[in-house]
Amino acid sequence: MTAAHDLHAIITTWPSLTDALTTQTGDTWPPAGRMTTHIRDRGLDDTPQRGARDGSGTGESPAPCRIDILDTMQAVHEQLLDTADAVAEVVQIAPAGDELTRLRSARDPRRWRFTGRRPEAQYTALWLYGRVTASPGPFRPLPTRSLLLIEETARDGLSRIGRALQLTRLTTAVDTPCSCGGRILLHGGDGGLPHLICSTCGRYFAGQLAA
């Protein structure tokens, strides 16, 4: 998988983390029945309110917050920010020319900002996506070292999100063997309908196995 693919996946799955903050679930893997992961696109605000975590907010009844999801969001966000800072130091071209040209260049919205309010995780991932896809702007070509850093960050971030949302397809063996004698593996955990496949003959079991 490329850094562009992983960054795009982080951007599109981030709203699911926001949704999951106040979604209490007792689901385990392997599942007792069908597993469903609801992926909804509900805005870009990725900064949980303090009251949601410690109950000190001004709302009447703050929804309970899943600390594991919040910790994942903060860890991924901080890693994206650190990577963007490091990459911008290498590839971002300082404003040059006469005063008016420098002013216009400094105000270019494509520029990465080192000061002020830190960008949200989705925007940060999008900015990094622009660098790996060579989007136009006041930037030098991305050197290999910076590309490798982005790849590592994107891969790790998507892995964290996958574990938090259980989007990564998991596999476990079941007790009942296949008629060929091979092990039957239960695949699931990514929000799709779990299914059973023999690891030896490849037979697909659409329904439940007989006891």
Protein backbone atom coordinates (compact mmCIF):
# COMPACT_ATOMS: atom_id res chain seq x y z
CA MET A 1 0.00 0.00 0.00
CA THR A 2 1.25 3.49 -0.76
CA ALA A 3 1.39 6.49 1.54
CA ALA A 4 -1.29 8.15 -0.61
CA HIS A 5 -3.61 5.18 -0.11
CA ASP A 6 -3.07 5.10 3.66
CA LEU A 7 -3.49 8.86 4.04
CA HIS A 8 -6.72 8.77 2.02
CA ALA A 9 -7.97 5.95 4.26
CA ILE A 10 -7.16 7.98 7.38
CA ILE A 11 -9.10 10.96 6.00
CA THR A 12 -12.17 8.92 5.08
CA THR A 13 -12.30 6.84 8.28
CA TRP A 14 -11.67 9.71 10.70
CA PRO A 15 -15.39 10.55 11.09
CA SER A 16 -15.90 6.97 12.27
CA LEU A 17 -13.51 7.63 15.15
CA THR A 18 -15.52 10.72 16.07
CA ASP A 19 -18.71 8.63 16.02
CA ALA A 20 -17.09 5.87 18.06
CA LEU A 21 -16.11 8.29 20.85
CA THR A 22 -19.57 8.03 22.37
CA THR A 23 -20.51 4.59 21.07
CA GLN A 24 -20.35 1.99 23.79
CA THR A 25 -19.87 -1.50 22.50
CA GLY A 26 -19.18 -4.87 23.98
CA ASP A 27 -18.38 -6.57 20.69
CA THR A 28 -15.59 -9.10 20.77
CA TRP A 29 -13.86 -11.17 18.17
CA PRO A 30 -14.77 -13.83 17.10
CA PRO A 31 -18.34 -12.49 16.90
CA ALA A 32 -21.42 -14.27 18.20
CA GLY A 33 -23.37 -13.01 15.20
CA ARG A 34 -23.02 -10.58 12.32
CA MET A 35 -20.61 -7.70 12.93
CA THR A 36 -21.52 -4.30 11.60
CA THR A 37 -19.39 -1.20 11.49
CA HIS A 38 -21.27 1.97 10.66
CA ILE A 39 -19.18 4.34 8.56
CA ARG A 40 -20.84 7.72 8.35
CA ASP A 41 -19.52 11.03 7.08
CA ARG A 42 -20.42 13.54 9.78
CA GLY A 43 -18.24 16.60 9.61
CA LEU A 44 -14.60 17.35 10.21
CA ASP A 45 -14.29 18.38 13.87
CA ASP A 46 -11.81 15.95 15.40
CA THR A 47 -11.21 17.78 18.68
CA PRO A 48 -13.26 16.13 21.44
CA GLN A 49 -14.57 18.49 24.06
CA ARG A 50 -12.91 18.26 27.45
CA GLY A 51 -16.23 17.70 29.15
CA ALA A 52 -16.81 14.59 27.11
CA ARG A 53 -13.83 12.92 28.76
CA ASP A 54 -13.94 14.13 32.35
CA GLY A 55 -17.53 15.27 32.76
CA SER A 56 -16.54 18.89 33.46
CA GLY A 57 -18.25 20.39 30.43
CA THR A 58 -21.23 22.71 30.58
CA GLY A 59 -23.63 20.31 28.84
CA GLU A 60 -26.45 18.82 30.86
CA SER A 61 -25.35 15.17 30.48
CA PRO A 62 -22.11 14.64 28.58
CA ALA A 63 -22.10 11.40 26.65
CA PRO A 64 -19.69 8.81 28.02
CA CYS A 65 -16.41 8.88 26.14
CA ARG A 66 -14.45 5.86 25.00
CA ILE A 67 -10.96 6.60 26.26
CA ASP A 68 -9.36 4.08 23.90
CA ILE A 69 -10.79 5.89 20.88
CA LEU A 70 -9.81 9.29 22.24
CA ASP A 71 -6.27 8.12 22.90
CA THR A 72 -6.05 6.74 19.36
CA MET A 73 -7.25 10.02 17.87
CA GLN A 74 -4.76 12.05 19.87
CA ALA A 75 -1.84 9.74 19.10
CA VAL A 76 -2.53 9.66 15.36
CA HIS A 77 -3.14 13.42 15.23
CA GLU A 78 0.11 14.23 17.05
CA GLN A 79 2.09 11.89 14.81
CA LEU A 80 0.61 13.49 11.69
CA LEU A 81 1.43 16.97 12.99
CA ASP A 82 5.01 16.04 13.86
CA THR A 83 5.48 14.54 10.41
CA ALA A 84 3.99 17.56 8.65
CA ASP A 85 6.28 19.89 10.63
CA ALA A 86 9.33 17.85 9.68
CA VAL A 87 8.37 17.58 6.01
CA ALA A 88 7.49 21.28 5.70
CA GLU A 89 10.90 22.27 7.00
CA VAL A 90 12.44 20.38 4.09
CA VAL A 91 10.09 21.04 1.16
CA GLN A 92 8.34 24.35 1.84
CA ILE A 93 9.88 27.26 -0.07
CA ALA A 94 10.21 30.53 1.84
CA PRO A 95 8.48 33.58 0.35
CA ALA A 96 10.74 35.50 -2.02
CA GLY A 97 10.63 38.45 -4.40
CA ASP A 98 9.41 41.98 -3.79
CA GLU A 99 7.35 42.85 -0.72
CA LEU A 100 3.96 42.31 -2.38
CA THR A 101 5.03 38.97 -3.85
CA ARG A 102 6.37 37.81 -0.49
CA LEU A 103 3.15 38.85 1.22
CA ARG A 104 1.00 36.97 -1.27
CA SER A 105 3.22 33.92 -1.03
CA ALA A 106 3.14 33.98 2.77
CA ARG A 107 -0.67 34.00 2.68
CA ASP A 108 -0.87 31.04 0.31
CA PRO A 109 -3.41 28.69 1.96
CA ARG A 110 -1.44 25.70 0.70
CA ARG A 111 1.43 26.59 3.03
CA TRP A 112 1.94 24.57 6.20
CA ARG A 113 1.66 26.78 9.31
CA PHE A 114 4.07 26.13 12.17
CA THR A 115 2.37 28.59 14.53
CA GLY A 116 -1.16 29.37 15.58
CA ARG A 117 -3.96 26.87 15.98
CA ARG A 118 -2.83 23.41 14.94
CA PRO A 119 -4.72 21.94 11.97
CA GLU A 120 -7.15 19.09 12.47
CA ALA A 121 -6.03 15.54 11.75
CA GLN A 122 -7.94 15.26 8.47
CA TYR A 123 -6.46 18.49 7.11
CA THR A 124 -2.98 17.43 8.21
CA ALA A 125 -3.37 14.09 6.44
CA LEU A 126 -4.67 15.94 3.38
CA TRP A 127 -1.63 18.27 3.38
CA LEU A 128 0.69 15.26 3.52
CA TYR A 129 -1.35 13.63 0.76
CA GLY A 130 -0.64 16.69 -1.37
CA ARG A 131 3.08 16.29 -0.84
CA VAL A 132 3.22 12.60 -1.81
CA THR A 133 1.07 13.25 -4.89
CA ALA A 134 3.16 16.29 -5.92
CA SER A 135 0.27 18.76 -5.76
CA PRO A 136 1.31 22.26 -6.91
CA GLY A 137 2.32 24.90 -4.43
CA PRO A 138 5.34 26.58 -2.82
CA PHE A 139 7.13 23.26 -2.34
CA ARG A 140 10.26 21.51 -3.50
CA PRO A 141 10.07 17.92 -4.75
CA LEU A 142 9.63 15.46 -1.90
CA PRO A 143 12.98 13.80 -1.07
CA THR A 144 13.12 10.07 -0.40
CA ARG A 145 13.75 10.49 3.32
CA SER A 146 10.63 12.61 3.72
CA LEU A 147 8.58 10.19 1.66
CA LEU A 148 9.68 7.30 3.87
CA LEU A 149 8.75 9.29 6.96
CA ILE A 150 5.27 9.98 5.58
CA GLU A 151 4.85 6.33 4.59
CA GLU A 152 5.74 5.18 8.10
CA THR A 153 3.43 7.71 9.73
CA ALA A 154 0.51 6.91 7.44
CA ARG A 155 0.96 3.17 7.81
CA ASP A 156 1.16 3.37 11.60
CA GLY A 157 -1.76 5.78 11.85
CA LEU A 158 -4.02 3.65 9.70
CA SER A 159 -3.04 0.56 11.70
CA ARG A 160 -3.97 2.32 14.95
CA ILE A 161 -7.31 3.38 13.50
CA GLY A 162 -7.95 -0.09 12.16
CA ARG A 163 -7.36 -1.64 15.58
CA ALA A 164 -9.51 0.96 17.30
CA LEU A 165 -12.43 0.49 14.91
CA GLN A 166 -11.82 -3.22 14.31
CA LEU A 167 -11.69 -2.54 10.58
CA THR A 168 -8.77 -4.87 10.02
CA ARG A 169 -9.81 -8.27 8.80
CA LEU A 170 -8.98 -10.81 11.51
CA THR A 171 -8.65 -14.57 11.24
CA THR A 172 -9.14 -17.30 13.81
CA ALA A 173 -9.44 -21.08 13.55
CA VAL A 174 -12.68 -22.88 14.55
CA ASP A 175 -12.87 -26.22 16.32
CA THR A 176 -14.79 -28.10 13.63
CA PRO A 177 -12.50 -29.48 10.88
CA CYS A 178 -13.33 -29.51 7.19
CA SER A 179 -14.35 -32.81 5.55
CA CYS A 180 -10.92 -32.83 3.91
CA GLY A 181 -9.29 -32.70 7.33
CA GLY A 182 -8.04 -29.14 6.97
CA ARG A 183 -8.48 -26.25 9.40
CA ILE A 184 -11.46 -23.97 8.87
CA LEU A 185 -10.68 -20.29 9.42
CA LEU A 186 -13.19 -17.66 10.45
CA HIS A 187 -12.50 -14.33 8.75
CA GLY A 188 -14.04 -11.09 9.96
CA GLY A 189 -13.62 -8.11 12.23
CA ASP A 190 -13.66 -5.48 9.50
CA GLY A 191 -17.36 -4.68 9.54
CA GLY A 192 -18.25 -7.17 6.82
CA LEU A 193 -20.17 -10.42 7.22
CA PRO A 194 -17.82 -13.03 8.72
CA HIS A 195 -17.22 -16.11 6.58
CA LEU A 196 -15.55 -19.51 6.89
CA ILE A 197 -12.94 -20.90 4.51
CA CYS A 198 -10.94 -24.11 4.69
CA SER A 199 -7.24 -23.32 4.73
CA THR A 200 -6.45 -26.57 2.90
CA CYS A 201 -9.02 -27.12 0.15
CA GLY A 202 -10.40 -23.58 -0.01
CA ARG A 203 -14.01 -24.65 0.53
CA TYR A 204 -16.28 -21.72 1.40
CA PHE A 205 -18.96 -22.21 4.04
CA ALA A 206 -21.79 -19.76 3.48
CA GLY A 207 -23.77 -20.88 6.53
CA GLN A 208 -22.94 -22.09 9.99
CA LEU A 209 -21.08 -25.34 10.45
CA ALA A 210 -22.91 -28.31 11.78
CA ALA A 211 -22.19 -29.02 15.42
